[in-house]
């Protein structure tokens, strides 16, 4: 029987952090990740919801969830339908519009292909590692090794998850930190060493090229 797209349903954006106790619902629940990673245990099986993976939790299924670093998720309480009567991880494409209607979310859950098992890629883990050693070299191979992935696998997964290539993402982290330190009055050479640039001139060139910012304007701010 097809999904009744006119049946009542409630969808809302929720933020999860920490552990959430096990419970069950009289309705099916559809989870669509926005950012971060939510681990969901259903019937003894641990699954995840992130920016490229959703999940169908059937009515009556006992489940619990947890997120160490926080996760934003669209949660939809779905009407009874054969399509939602079993646990199913959903393969999602990134960049879904936030203005989707309830009917569109239901249709997405109905038509999305089943997500294949994948090694977990926790963006917050890489963010912590990079922040703790921003002055060091971070080639893609070093990032990939944190998750026991090959460089091509990591590159594809990271772009799916964040919308950026790994080195473009890393450059933004370096420049964000440099911007903050220069505004705080740190010397250019010191800041460059802190964020992994060979010299103050190389750092200032990157700031001008990427963000149109100069050291004098930053210090003036």
N, C-alpha and C. Protein backbone atom coordinates (compact mmCIF):
# COMPACT_ATOMS: atom_id res chain seq x y z
N UNK A 1 0.85 -1.19 0.00
CA UNK A 1 0.00 0.00 0.00
C UNK A 1 0.89 1.24 0.00
N UNK A 2 0.61 2.22 -0.88
CA UNK A 2 1.46 3.41 -0.95
C UNK A 2 1.28 4.31 0.25
N UNK A 3 2.27 5.19 0.47
CA UNK A 3 2.19 6.15 1.56
C UNK A 3 1.07 7.15 1.31
N UNK A 4 0.25 7.40 2.32
CA UNK A 4 -0.79 8.42 2.22
C UNK A 4 -0.16 9.77 2.54
N UNK A 5 0.16 10.54 1.52
CA UNK A 5 0.84 11.80 1.71
C UNK A 5 -0.07 12.89 2.27
N UNK A 6 -1.37 12.61 2.37
CA UNK A 6 -2.29 13.60 2.94
C UNK A 6 -2.55 13.35 4.41
N UNK A 7 -2.03 12.23 4.95
CA UNK A 7 -2.28 11.91 6.36
C UNK A 7 -1.52 12.87 7.26
N UNK A 8 -2.04 13.12 8.47
CA UNK A 8 -1.36 14.04 9.38
C UNK A 8 0.06 13.56 9.73
N UNK A 9 0.97 14.45 9.80
CA UNK A 9 2.35 14.13 10.20
C UNK A 9 2.97 15.40 10.74
N UNK A 10 3.91 15.23 11.66
CA UNK A 10 4.57 16.38 12.27
C UNK A 10 6.07 16.27 12.00
N UNK A 11 6.67 17.35 11.50
CA UNK A 11 8.11 17.37 11.24
C UNK A 11 8.72 18.55 11.97
N UNK A 12 9.87 18.33 12.61
CA UNK A 12 10.54 19.42 13.30
C UNK A 12 12.04 19.17 13.34
N UNK A 13 12.79 20.26 13.43
CA UNK A 13 14.25 20.18 13.56
C UNK A 13 14.58 20.05 15.04
N UNK A 14 15.39 19.04 15.39
CA UNK A 14 15.77 18.82 16.78
C UNK A 14 17.29 18.77 16.90
N UNK A 15 17.77 19.19 18.07
CA UNK A 15 19.19 19.10 18.37
C UNK A 15 19.39 18.05 19.46
N UNK A 16 20.27 17.09 19.20
CA UNK A 16 20.55 16.03 20.15
C UNK A 16 21.97 16.18 20.69
N UNK A 17 22.12 16.00 21.99
CA UNK A 17 23.44 15.95 22.60
C UNK A 17 23.35 15.06 23.84
N UNK A 18 24.35 14.22 24.03
CA UNK A 18 24.31 13.29 25.16
C UNK A 18 23.46 12.07 24.85
N UNK A 19 23.15 11.31 25.90
CA UNK A 19 22.39 10.07 25.76
C UNK A 19 20.90 10.32 25.94
N UNK A 20 20.12 9.64 25.14
CA UNK A 20 18.67 9.71 25.24
C UNK A 20 18.14 8.31 25.49
N UNK A 21 17.31 8.15 26.51
CA UNK A 21 16.87 6.83 26.95
C UNK A 21 16.09 6.06 25.90
N UNK A 22 16.04 4.75 26.08
CA UNK A 22 15.33 3.88 25.15
C UNK A 22 13.82 4.07 25.30
N UNK A 23 13.13 4.09 24.19
CA UNK A 23 11.69 4.29 24.19
C UNK A 23 11.13 3.80 22.86
N UNK A 24 9.82 3.81 22.74
CA UNK A 24 9.16 3.40 21.50
C UNK A 24 8.00 4.34 21.22
N UNK A 25 7.57 4.39 19.96
CA UNK A 25 6.46 5.24 19.57
C UNK A 25 5.36 4.40 18.93
N UNK A 26 4.15 4.90 18.98
CA UNK A 26 3.03 4.23 18.31
C UNK A 26 3.06 4.50 16.81
N UNK A 27 3.91 5.44 16.38
CA UNK A 27 4.03 5.79 14.97
C UNK A 27 5.46 5.51 14.51
N UNK A 28 5.63 5.43 13.21
CA UNK A 28 6.99 5.34 12.66
C UNK A 28 7.66 6.71 12.79
N UNK A 29 8.99 6.70 12.88
CA UNK A 29 9.72 7.95 12.98
C UNK A 29 10.80 7.97 11.90
N UNK A 30 10.85 9.07 11.16
CA UNK A 30 11.83 9.23 10.09
C UNK A 30 12.85 10.27 10.51
N UNK A 31 14.12 9.93 10.42
CA UNK A 31 15.21 10.80 10.85
C UNK A 31 16.07 11.17 9.65
N UNK A 32 16.27 12.48 9.44
CA UNK A 32 17.09 12.97 8.35
C UNK A 32 18.17 13.88 8.93
N UNK A 33 19.43 13.48 8.82
CA UNK A 33 20.52 14.25 9.41
C UNK A 33 20.75 15.57 8.70
N UNK A 34 21.11 16.59 9.49
CA UNK A 34 21.48 17.90 8.96
C UNK A 34 22.96 18.15 9.19
N UNK A 35 23.39 17.97 10.44
CA UNK A 35 24.79 18.16 10.78
C UNK A 35 25.13 17.36 12.03
N UNK A 36 26.41 17.06 12.20
CA UNK A 36 26.81 16.22 13.33
C UNK A 36 26.45 14.77 13.08
N UNK A 37 26.61 13.95 14.11
CA UNK A 37 26.34 12.51 13.98
C UNK A 37 25.54 12.03 15.18
N UNK A 38 24.41 11.38 14.92
CA UNK A 38 23.56 10.80 15.96
C UNK A 38 23.62 9.29 15.84
N UNK A 39 24.09 8.61 16.89
CA UNK A 39 24.08 7.15 16.93
C UNK A 39 22.73 6.68 17.45
N UNK A 40 22.10 5.78 16.72
CA UNK A 40 20.78 5.28 17.08
C UNK A 40 20.84 3.76 17.18
N UNK A 41 20.44 3.22 18.33
CA UNK A 41 20.39 1.77 18.54
C UNK A 41 18.94 1.32 18.41
N UNK A 42 18.68 0.42 17.47
CA UNK A 42 17.33 -0.11 17.25
C UNK A 42 17.42 -1.63 17.23
N UNK A 43 16.75 -2.28 18.17
CA UNK A 43 16.73 -3.73 18.19
C UNK A 43 18.09 -4.37 18.28
N UNK A 44 19.01 -3.74 19.01
CA UNK A 44 20.35 -4.29 19.17
C UNK A 44 21.31 -3.93 18.06
N UNK A 45 20.86 -3.19 17.06
CA UNK A 45 21.72 -2.79 15.95
C UNK A 45 22.03 -1.30 16.06
N UNK A 46 23.32 -0.95 15.99
CA UNK A 46 23.72 0.45 16.09
C UNK A 46 23.83 1.05 14.70
N UNK A 47 23.12 2.15 14.48
CA UNK A 47 23.14 2.84 13.20
C UNK A 47 23.42 4.31 13.47
N UNK A 48 23.60 5.08 12.40
CA UNK A 48 23.90 6.49 12.59
C UNK A 48 23.05 7.33 11.65
N UNK A 49 22.86 8.56 12.08
CA UNK A 49 22.17 9.55 11.25
C UNK A 49 23.10 10.74 11.12
N UNK A 50 23.44 11.11 9.88
CA UNK A 50 24.30 12.27 9.65
C UNK A 50 23.85 12.96 8.37
N UNK A 51 24.67 13.83 7.84
CA UNK A 51 24.25 14.64 6.70
C UNK A 51 24.00 13.82 5.44
N UNK A 52 24.48 12.59 5.38
CA UNK A 52 24.28 11.76 4.19
C UNK A 52 23.57 10.45 4.49
N UNK A 53 23.09 10.29 5.73
CA UNK A 53 22.41 9.05 6.11
C UNK A 53 21.21 9.35 6.98
N UNK A 54 20.06 8.82 6.59
CA UNK A 54 18.85 8.93 7.39
C UNK A 54 18.46 7.58 7.96
N UNK A 55 17.30 7.50 8.59
CA UNK A 55 16.90 6.26 9.22
C UNK A 55 15.39 6.21 9.38
N UNK A 56 14.80 5.05 9.10
CA UNK A 56 13.40 4.77 9.40
C UNK A 56 13.35 3.92 10.66
N UNK A 57 12.65 4.40 11.68
CA UNK A 57 12.43 3.64 12.92
C UNK A 57 10.95 3.24 12.92
N UNK A 58 10.64 1.95 12.81
CA UNK A 58 9.23 1.54 12.70
C UNK A 58 8.45 1.81 13.98
N UNK A 59 7.14 1.85 13.85
CA UNK A 59 6.27 1.98 15.01
C UNK A 59 6.49 0.80 15.95
N UNK A 60 6.58 1.09 17.25
CA UNK A 60 6.74 0.04 18.26
C UNK A 60 8.16 -0.43 18.47
N UNK A 61 9.12 0.05 17.67
CA UNK A 61 10.51 -0.41 17.81
C UNK A 61 11.17 0.31 18.98
N UNK A 62 11.72 -0.46 19.91
CA UNK A 62 12.44 0.12 21.04
C UNK A 62 13.78 0.65 20.55
N UNK A 63 14.06 1.91 20.85
CA UNK A 63 15.29 2.51 20.34
C UNK A 63 15.80 3.59 21.30
N UNK A 64 17.09 3.85 21.21
CA UNK A 64 17.73 4.91 21.98
C UNK A 64 18.74 5.61 21.10
N UNK A 65 19.18 6.78 21.51
CA UNK A 65 20.11 7.54 20.68
C UNK A 65 21.11 8.28 21.55
N UNK A 66 22.23 8.65 20.95
CA UNK A 66 23.27 9.39 21.66
C UNK A 66 24.10 10.17 20.66
N UNK A 67 24.59 11.34 21.09
CA UNK A 67 25.51 12.13 20.28
C UNK A 67 26.50 12.81 21.21
N UNK A 68 27.76 12.52 21.04
CA UNK A 68 28.79 13.09 21.91
C UNK A 68 28.96 14.59 21.67
N UNK A 69 29.01 14.98 20.39
CA UNK A 69 29.32 16.36 20.05
C UNK A 69 28.13 17.15 19.54
N UNK A 70 26.96 16.55 19.55
CA UNK A 70 25.77 17.24 19.10
C UNK A 70 25.41 16.90 17.67
N UNK A 71 24.12 16.80 17.40
CA UNK A 71 23.63 16.51 16.05
C UNK A 71 22.32 17.23 15.82
N UNK A 72 22.16 17.76 14.62
CA UNK A 72 20.90 18.38 14.22
C UNK A 72 20.20 17.44 13.25
N UNK A 73 18.92 17.19 13.51
CA UNK A 73 18.18 16.17 12.76
C UNK A 73 16.77 16.66 12.49
N UNK A 74 16.29 16.46 11.26
CA UNK A 74 14.87 16.62 10.99
C UNK A 74 14.17 15.34 11.41
N UNK A 75 13.17 15.44 12.26
CA UNK A 75 12.43 14.29 12.79
C UNK A 75 10.99 14.41 12.33
N UNK A 76 10.51 13.34 11.70
CA UNK A 76 9.14 13.34 11.20
C UNK A 76 8.40 12.13 11.74
N UNK A 77 7.28 12.36 12.41
CA UNK A 77 6.41 11.29 12.87
C UNK A 77 5.50 10.90 11.72
N UNK A 78 5.71 9.70 11.19
CA UNK A 78 5.08 9.31 9.93
C UNK A 78 3.78 8.57 10.14
N UNK A 79 2.86 8.66 9.19
CA UNK A 79 1.63 7.86 9.25
C UNK A 79 1.94 6.40 9.02
N UNK A 80 1.03 5.55 9.41
CA UNK A 80 1.21 4.11 9.21
C UNK A 80 1.28 3.81 7.72
N UNK A 81 2.29 3.05 7.31
CA UNK A 81 2.46 2.70 5.90
C UNK A 81 3.38 1.50 5.81
N UNK A 82 3.16 0.67 4.82
CA UNK A 82 3.98 -0.52 4.64
C UNK A 82 5.43 -0.15 4.42
N UNK A 83 5.67 0.99 3.73
CA UNK A 83 7.04 1.40 3.44
C UNK A 83 7.86 1.69 4.69
N UNK A 84 7.19 1.93 5.83
CA UNK A 84 7.89 2.33 7.05
C UNK A 84 7.76 1.30 8.16
N UNK A 85 7.51 0.02 7.80
CA UNK A 85 7.25 -0.97 8.84
C UNK A 85 8.48 -1.77 9.23
N UNK A 86 9.68 -1.36 8.75
CA UNK A 86 10.91 -2.03 9.18
C UNK A 86 12.07 -1.02 9.22
N UNK A 87 13.06 -1.37 10.02
CA UNK A 87 14.23 -0.49 10.15
C UNK A 87 14.95 -0.42 8.80
N UNK A 88 15.26 0.81 8.38
CA UNK A 88 15.98 0.96 7.11
C UNK A 88 16.83 2.21 7.14
N UNK A 89 18.17 2.07 7.02
CA UNK A 89 19.03 3.26 6.86
C UNK A 89 18.86 3.80 5.45
N UNK A 90 18.83 5.13 5.34
CA UNK A 90 18.56 5.78 4.07
C UNK A 90 19.81 6.49 3.54
N UNK A 91 20.13 6.26 2.29
CA UNK A 91 21.24 6.98 1.64
C UNK A 91 20.70 8.30 1.13
N UNK A 92 21.24 9.40 1.65
CA UNK A 92 20.75 10.73 1.31
C UNK A 92 21.84 11.53 0.62
N UNK A 93 21.44 12.42 -0.26
CA UNK A 93 22.38 13.36 -0.87
C UNK A 93 22.44 14.60 0.00
N UNK A 94 23.62 15.21 0.10
CA UNK A 94 23.75 16.43 0.90
C UNK A 94 23.04 17.60 0.23
N UNK A 95 22.91 18.69 0.96
CA UNK A 95 22.35 19.91 0.41
C UNK A 95 20.84 19.89 0.24
N UNK A 96 20.12 19.09 1.05
CA UNK A 96 18.67 19.09 0.94
C UNK A 96 18.10 20.43 1.41
N UNK A 97 17.09 20.95 0.71
CA UNK A 97 16.52 22.24 1.11
C UNK A 97 15.80 22.14 2.45
N UNK A 98 15.89 23.19 3.25
CA UNK A 98 15.25 23.19 4.56
C UNK A 98 13.77 23.50 4.46
N UNK A 99 13.30 23.95 3.27
CA UNK A 99 11.90 24.29 3.13
C UNK A 99 11.05 23.16 2.58
N UNK A 100 11.52 21.92 2.67
CA UNK A 100 10.75 20.80 2.16
C UNK A 100 9.44 20.63 2.93
N UNK A 101 8.40 20.25 2.22
CA UNK A 101 7.11 20.01 2.86
C UNK A 101 7.10 18.62 3.48
N UNK A 102 6.12 18.38 4.34
CA UNK A 102 5.98 17.06 4.94
C UNK A 102 5.83 15.99 3.87
N UNK A 103 5.04 16.28 2.85
CA UNK A 103 4.85 15.32 1.76
C UNK A 103 6.17 14.99 1.08
N UNK A 104 7.03 15.99 0.90
CA UNK A 104 8.33 15.75 0.26
C UNK A 104 9.24 14.92 1.13
N UNK A 105 9.23 15.15 2.46
CA UNK A 105 10.04 14.33 3.36
C UNK A 105 9.57 12.88 3.32
N UNK A 106 8.25 12.66 3.31
CA UNK A 106 7.71 11.30 3.25
C UNK A 106 8.11 10.62 1.94
N UNK A 107 8.03 11.35 0.86
CA UNK A 107 8.40 10.78 -0.43
C UNK A 107 9.90 10.47 -0.47
N UNK A 108 10.72 11.33 0.13
CA UNK A 108 12.16 11.07 0.18
C UNK A 108 12.45 9.78 0.93
N UNK A 109 11.79 9.59 2.07
CA UNK A 109 12.01 8.36 2.84
C UNK A 109 11.53 7.13 2.07
N UNK A 110 10.46 7.28 1.33
CA UNK A 110 9.91 6.15 0.59
C UNK A 110 10.82 5.73 -0.56
N UNK A 111 11.44 6.71 -1.22
CA UNK A 111 12.18 6.41 -2.45
C UNK A 111 13.69 6.31 -2.27
N UNK A 112 14.24 6.78 -1.14
CA UNK A 112 15.70 6.73 -0.94
C UNK A 112 16.18 5.29 -0.93
N UNK A 113 17.32 5.06 -1.53
CA UNK A 113 17.88 3.70 -1.51
C UNK A 113 18.43 3.39 -0.13
N UNK A 114 18.58 2.11 0.13
CA UNK A 114 19.11 1.67 1.42
C UNK A 114 20.59 2.01 1.50
N UNK A 115 20.99 2.64 2.61
CA UNK A 115 22.40 3.01 2.79
C UNK A 115 23.23 1.76 3.04
N UNK A 116 24.36 1.67 2.37
CA UNK A 116 25.27 0.55 2.58
C UNK A 116 26.05 0.76 3.87
N UNK A 117 26.43 -0.32 4.55
CA UNK A 117 27.24 -0.16 5.77
C UNK A 117 28.54 0.57 5.46
N UNK A 118 28.90 1.52 6.31
CA UNK A 118 30.12 2.29 6.10
C UNK A 118 30.81 2.51 7.43
N UNK A 119 32.13 2.62 7.38
CA UNK A 119 32.87 2.98 8.57
C UNK A 119 32.48 4.40 8.99
N UNK A 120 32.27 4.58 10.28
CA UNK A 120 31.82 5.89 10.75
C UNK A 120 32.88 6.96 10.50
N UNK A 121 32.44 8.11 10.03
CA UNK A 121 33.32 9.25 9.83
C UNK A 121 32.78 10.38 10.70
N UNK A 122 33.45 10.61 11.81
CA UNK A 122 33.00 11.60 12.79
C UNK A 122 33.75 12.90 12.55
N UNK A 123 33.06 13.90 11.98
CA UNK A 123 33.71 15.17 11.66
C UNK A 123 34.30 15.83 12.90
N UNK A 124 33.60 15.73 14.02
CA UNK A 124 34.07 16.38 15.25
C UNK A 124 35.41 15.79 15.71
N UNK A 125 35.64 14.52 15.43
CA UNK A 125 36.92 13.91 15.82
C UNK A 125 38.07 14.54 15.05
N UNK A 126 37.88 14.75 13.75
CA UNK A 126 38.94 15.38 12.97
C UNK A 126 39.11 16.84 13.38
N UNK A 127 38.01 17.53 13.66
CA UNK A 127 38.10 18.92 14.09
C UNK A 127 38.93 19.05 15.37
N UNK A 128 38.72 18.14 16.30
CA UNK A 128 39.50 18.19 17.55
C UNK A 128 40.98 17.92 17.30
N UNK A 129 41.25 16.92 16.46
CA UNK A 129 42.65 16.56 16.18
C UNK A 129 43.38 17.70 15.48
N UNK A 130 42.73 18.32 14.52
CA UNK A 130 43.35 19.43 13.79
C UNK A 130 43.54 20.64 14.70
N UNK A 131 42.53 20.96 15.50
CA UNK A 131 42.63 22.11 16.40
C UNK A 131 43.78 21.95 17.39
N UNK A 132 44.05 20.71 17.80
CA UNK A 132 45.12 20.46 18.77
C UNK A 132 46.51 20.53 18.15
N UNK A 133 46.59 20.48 16.82
CA UNK A 133 47.90 20.49 16.16
C UNK A 133 47.80 21.23 14.84
N UNK A 134 47.23 22.42 14.87
CA UNK A 134 46.98 23.18 13.65
C UNK A 134 48.28 23.60 12.97
N UNK A 135 49.36 23.67 13.72
CA UNK A 135 50.64 24.08 13.15
C UNK A 135 51.32 22.96 12.37
N UNK A 136 50.84 21.74 12.52
CA UNK A 136 51.47 20.60 11.86
C UNK A 136 50.92 20.41 10.45
N UNK A 137 51.63 19.60 9.65
CA UNK A 137 51.14 19.26 8.31
C UNK A 137 49.96 18.29 8.43
N UNK A 138 48.93 18.53 7.62
CA UNK A 138 47.74 17.67 7.62
C UNK A 138 47.41 17.25 6.18
N UNK A 139 48.26 16.40 5.59
CA UNK A 139 47.89 15.88 4.27
C UNK A 139 46.66 15.00 4.37
N UNK A 140 45.99 14.77 3.25
CA UNK A 140 44.77 13.96 3.26
C UNK A 140 45.04 12.56 3.80
N UNK A 141 46.24 12.04 3.58
CA UNK A 141 46.54 10.69 4.07
C UNK A 141 46.50 10.64 5.59
N UNK A 142 46.96 11.71 6.25
CA UNK A 142 46.92 11.73 7.72
C UNK A 142 45.48 11.82 8.21
N UNK A 143 44.67 12.62 7.56
CA UNK A 143 43.26 12.71 7.95
C UNK A 143 42.55 11.37 7.74
N UNK A 144 42.78 10.75 6.57
CA UNK A 144 42.13 9.49 6.26
C UNK A 144 42.50 8.40 7.25
N UNK A 145 43.76 8.43 7.72
CA UNK A 145 44.23 7.39 8.64
C UNK A 145 43.47 7.41 9.97
N UNK A 146 42.94 8.58 10.37
CA UNK A 146 42.16 8.66 11.60
C UNK A 146 40.92 7.77 11.55
N UNK A 147 40.44 7.52 10.33
CA UNK A 147 39.21 6.75 10.17
C UNK A 147 39.44 5.43 9.47
N UNK A 148 40.72 5.06 9.30
CA UNK A 148 41.09 3.81 8.62
C UNK A 148 40.46 3.73 7.24
N UNK A 149 40.50 4.85 6.51
CA UNK A 149 39.98 4.91 5.15
C UNK A 149 41.13 5.20 4.19
N UNK A 150 40.95 4.81 2.94
CA UNK A 150 41.90 5.21 1.91
C UNK A 150 41.70 6.70 1.63
N UNK A 151 42.71 7.32 1.01
CA UNK A 151 42.58 8.74 0.69
C UNK A 151 41.39 9.02 -0.24
N UNK A 152 41.18 8.25 -1.32
CA UNK A 152 40.00 8.51 -2.17
C UNK A 152 38.69 8.33 -1.42
N UNK A 153 38.60 7.29 -0.57
CA UNK A 153 37.38 7.09 0.22
C UNK A 153 37.13 8.27 1.15
N UNK A 154 38.20 8.67 1.85
CA UNK A 154 38.04 9.79 2.78
C UNK A 154 37.66 11.06 2.04
N UNK A 155 38.31 11.34 0.94
CA UNK A 155 38.03 12.56 0.18
C UNK A 155 36.55 12.60 -0.23
N UNK A 156 36.05 11.48 -0.77
CA UNK A 156 34.66 11.43 -1.21
C UNK A 156 33.69 11.57 -0.05
N UNK A 157 33.98 10.86 1.05
CA UNK A 157 33.09 10.91 2.21
C UNK A 157 33.10 12.29 2.86
N UNK A 158 34.28 12.92 2.94
CA UNK A 158 34.36 14.24 3.58
C UNK A 158 33.62 15.29 2.76
N UNK A 159 33.74 15.20 1.43
CA UNK A 159 33.03 16.14 0.58
C UNK A 159 31.52 15.94 0.71
N UNK A 160 31.09 14.69 0.81
CA UNK A 160 29.66 14.41 1.02
C UNK A 160 29.17 15.02 2.32
N UNK A 161 29.98 14.86 3.37
CA UNK A 161 29.56 15.25 4.71
C UNK A 161 29.60 16.75 4.91
N UNK A 162 30.60 17.43 4.34
CA UNK A 162 30.80 18.86 4.62
C UNK A 162 30.59 19.76 3.41
N UNK A 163 30.56 19.17 2.21
CA UNK A 163 30.46 19.98 1.01
C UNK A 163 31.78 20.61 0.59
N UNK A 164 32.88 20.23 1.25
CA UNK A 164 34.20 20.80 0.94
C UNK A 164 35.23 19.70 0.76
N UNK A 165 36.23 19.98 -0.07
CA UNK A 165 37.39 19.10 -0.13
C UNK A 165 38.16 19.22 1.18
N UNK A 166 38.86 18.16 1.62
CA UNK A 166 39.56 18.21 2.91
C UNK A 166 40.51 19.39 3.06
N UNK A 167 41.31 19.69 2.01
CA UNK A 167 42.28 20.77 2.15
C UNK A 167 41.61 22.14 2.16
N UNK A 168 40.51 22.28 1.45
CA UNK A 168 39.77 23.55 1.51
C UNK A 168 39.19 23.75 2.91
N UNK A 169 38.68 22.67 3.49
CA UNK A 169 38.17 22.74 4.86
C UNK A 169 39.29 23.09 5.83
N UNK A 170 40.46 22.46 5.68
CA UNK A 170 41.60 22.74 6.55
C UNK A 170 42.05 24.19 6.43
N UNK A 171 42.08 24.71 5.21
CA UNK A 171 42.49 26.10 5.01
C UNK A 171 41.55 27.06 5.75
N UNK A 172 40.27 26.77 5.73
CA UNK A 172 39.32 27.62 6.46
C UNK A 172 39.58 27.58 7.96
N UNK A 173 39.90 26.40 8.50
CA UNK A 173 40.20 26.30 9.93
C UNK A 173 41.44 27.15 10.27
N UNK A 174 42.48 27.06 9.42
CA UNK A 174 43.70 27.84 9.67
C UNK A 174 43.42 29.33 9.62
N UNK A 175 42.67 29.76 8.61
CA UNK A 175 42.41 31.20 8.46
C UNK A 175 41.45 31.72 9.53
N UNK A 176 40.51 30.91 9.96
CA UNK A 176 39.63 31.31 11.06
C UNK A 176 40.44 31.60 12.31
N UNK A 177 41.37 30.70 12.63
CA UNK A 177 42.20 30.88 13.82
C UNK A 177 43.13 32.07 13.66
N UNK A 178 43.73 32.21 12.48
CA UNK A 178 44.62 33.35 12.23
C UNK A 178 43.86 34.67 12.37
N UNK A 179 42.69 34.75 11.84
CA UNK A 179 41.85 35.95 11.95
C UNK A 179 41.64 36.31 13.42
N UNK A 180 41.29 35.31 14.22
CA UNK A 180 41.03 35.57 15.64
C UNK A 180 42.28 36.04 16.37
N UNK A 181 43.41 35.41 16.11
CA UNK A 181 44.65 35.77 16.82
C UNK A 181 45.18 37.13 16.39
N UNK A 182 45.10 37.44 15.11
CA UNK A 182 45.55 38.75 14.65
C UNK A 182 44.69 39.86 15.23
N UNK A 183 43.39 39.63 15.31
CA UNK A 183 42.51 40.63 15.91
C UNK A 183 42.83 40.83 17.39
N UNK A 184 43.34 39.77 18.02
CA UNK A 184 43.71 39.87 19.43
C UNK A 184 45.07 40.53 19.62
N UNK A 185 45.75 40.87 18.52
CA UNK A 185 47.02 41.60 18.62
C UNK A 185 48.26 40.74 18.58
N UNK A 186 48.15 39.46 18.24
CA UNK A 186 49.34 38.61 18.17
C UNK A 186 50.21 39.04 16.99
N UNK A 187 51.54 38.93 17.10
CA UNK A 187 52.44 39.24 15.98
C UNK A 187 52.20 38.28 14.81
N UNK A 188 52.38 38.79 13.60
CA UNK A 188 52.11 38.00 12.41
C UNK A 188 52.94 36.73 12.33
N UNK A 189 54.24 36.81 12.65
CA UNK A 189 55.09 35.61 12.58
C UNK A 189 54.62 34.54 13.56
N UNK A 190 54.23 34.99 14.76
CA UNK A 190 53.76 34.04 15.77
C UNK A 190 52.47 33.35 15.32
N UNK A 191 51.56 34.14 14.76
CA UNK A 191 50.29 33.58 14.28
C UNK A 191 50.55 32.59 13.15
N UNK A 192 51.42 32.96 12.22
CA UNK A 192 51.73 32.06 11.10
C UNK A 192 52.25 30.72 11.61
N UNK A 193 53.14 30.76 12.59
CA UNK A 193 53.67 29.51 13.15
C UNK A 193 52.59 28.70 13.84
N UNK A 194 51.64 29.38 14.48
CA UNK A 194 50.56 28.70 15.19
C UNK A 194 49.62 27.96 14.25
N UNK A 195 49.41 28.50 13.06
CA UNK A 195 48.39 27.94 12.17
C UNK A 195 48.97 27.21 10.96
N UNK A 196 50.29 27.02 10.94
CA UNK A 196 50.87 26.17 9.91
C UNK A 196 51.31 26.85 8.64
N UNK A 197 51.51 28.17 8.68
CA UNK A 197 52.04 28.88 7.51
C UNK A 197 53.54 29.13 7.71
N UNK A 198 54.28 29.13 6.61
CA UNK A 198 55.74 29.24 6.70
C UNK A 198 56.19 30.60 7.17
N UNK A 199 55.41 31.64 6.91
CA UNK A 199 55.82 32.98 7.29
C UNK A 199 54.60 33.87 7.41
N UNK A 200 54.81 35.04 8.03
CA UNK A 200 53.72 36.00 8.14
C UNK A 200 53.27 36.47 6.77
N UNK A 201 54.21 36.67 5.85
CA UNK A 201 53.84 37.15 4.52
C UNK A 201 52.98 36.13 3.78
N UNK A 202 53.29 34.83 3.95
CA UNK A 202 52.48 33.79 3.31
C UNK A 202 51.07 33.77 3.90
N UNK A 203 50.98 33.94 5.21
CA UNK A 203 49.67 33.97 5.86
C UNK A 203 48.86 35.17 5.42
N UNK A 204 49.49 36.35 5.40
CA UNK A 204 48.77 37.56 5.02
C UNK A 204 48.34 37.52 3.55
N UNK A 205 49.15 36.90 2.72
CA UNK A 205 48.75 36.74 1.32
C UNK A 205 47.50 35.87 1.22
N UNK A 206 47.46 34.78 2.02
CA UNK A 206 46.30 33.89 2.01
C UNK A 206 45.05 34.61 2.52
N UNK A 207 45.19 35.41 3.55
CA UNK A 207 44.05 36.17 4.07
C UNK A 207 43.52 37.17 3.05
N UNK A 208 44.44 37.84 2.35
CA UNK A 208 43.99 38.79 1.33
C UNK A 208 43.32 38.07 0.17
N UNK A 209 43.92 36.97 -0.26
CA UNK A 209 43.39 36.25 -1.42
C UNK A 209 42.04 35.61 -1.12
N UNK A 210 41.92 34.94 0.03
CA UNK A 210 40.71 34.19 0.36
C UNK A 210 39.60 35.05 0.94
N UNK A 211 39.98 36.10 1.69
CA UNK A 211 38.97 36.84 2.44
C UNK A 211 39.03 38.35 2.28
N UNK A 212 40.00 38.82 1.50
CA UNK A 212 40.11 40.25 1.31
C UNK A 212 40.50 41.00 2.57
N UNK A 213 41.21 40.32 3.49
CA UNK A 213 41.59 40.92 4.77
C UNK A 213 43.09 41.21 4.80
N UNK A 214 43.46 42.35 5.37
CA UNK A 214 44.86 42.69 5.59
C UNK A 214 45.15 42.81 7.07
N UNK A 215 46.42 42.68 7.44
CA UNK A 215 46.80 42.71 8.86
C UNK A 215 46.41 44.03 9.52
N UNK A 216 46.59 45.15 8.82
CA UNK A 216 46.28 46.45 9.41
C UNK A 216 44.79 46.56 9.72
N UNK A 217 43.95 46.11 8.78
CA UNK A 217 42.51 46.17 9.01
C UNK A 217 42.10 45.25 10.16
N UNK A 218 42.71 44.07 10.26
CA UNK A 218 42.38 43.15 11.34
C UNK A 218 42.75 43.74 12.68
N UNK A 219 43.94 44.31 12.76
CA UNK A 219 44.36 44.87 14.05
C UNK A 219 43.52 46.09 14.40
N UNK A 220 43.14 46.86 13.38
CA UNK A 220 42.29 48.01 13.64
C UNK A 220 40.93 47.60 14.18
N UNK A 221 40.41 46.44 13.67
CA UNK A 221 39.13 45.95 14.18
C UNK A 221 39.25 45.52 15.62
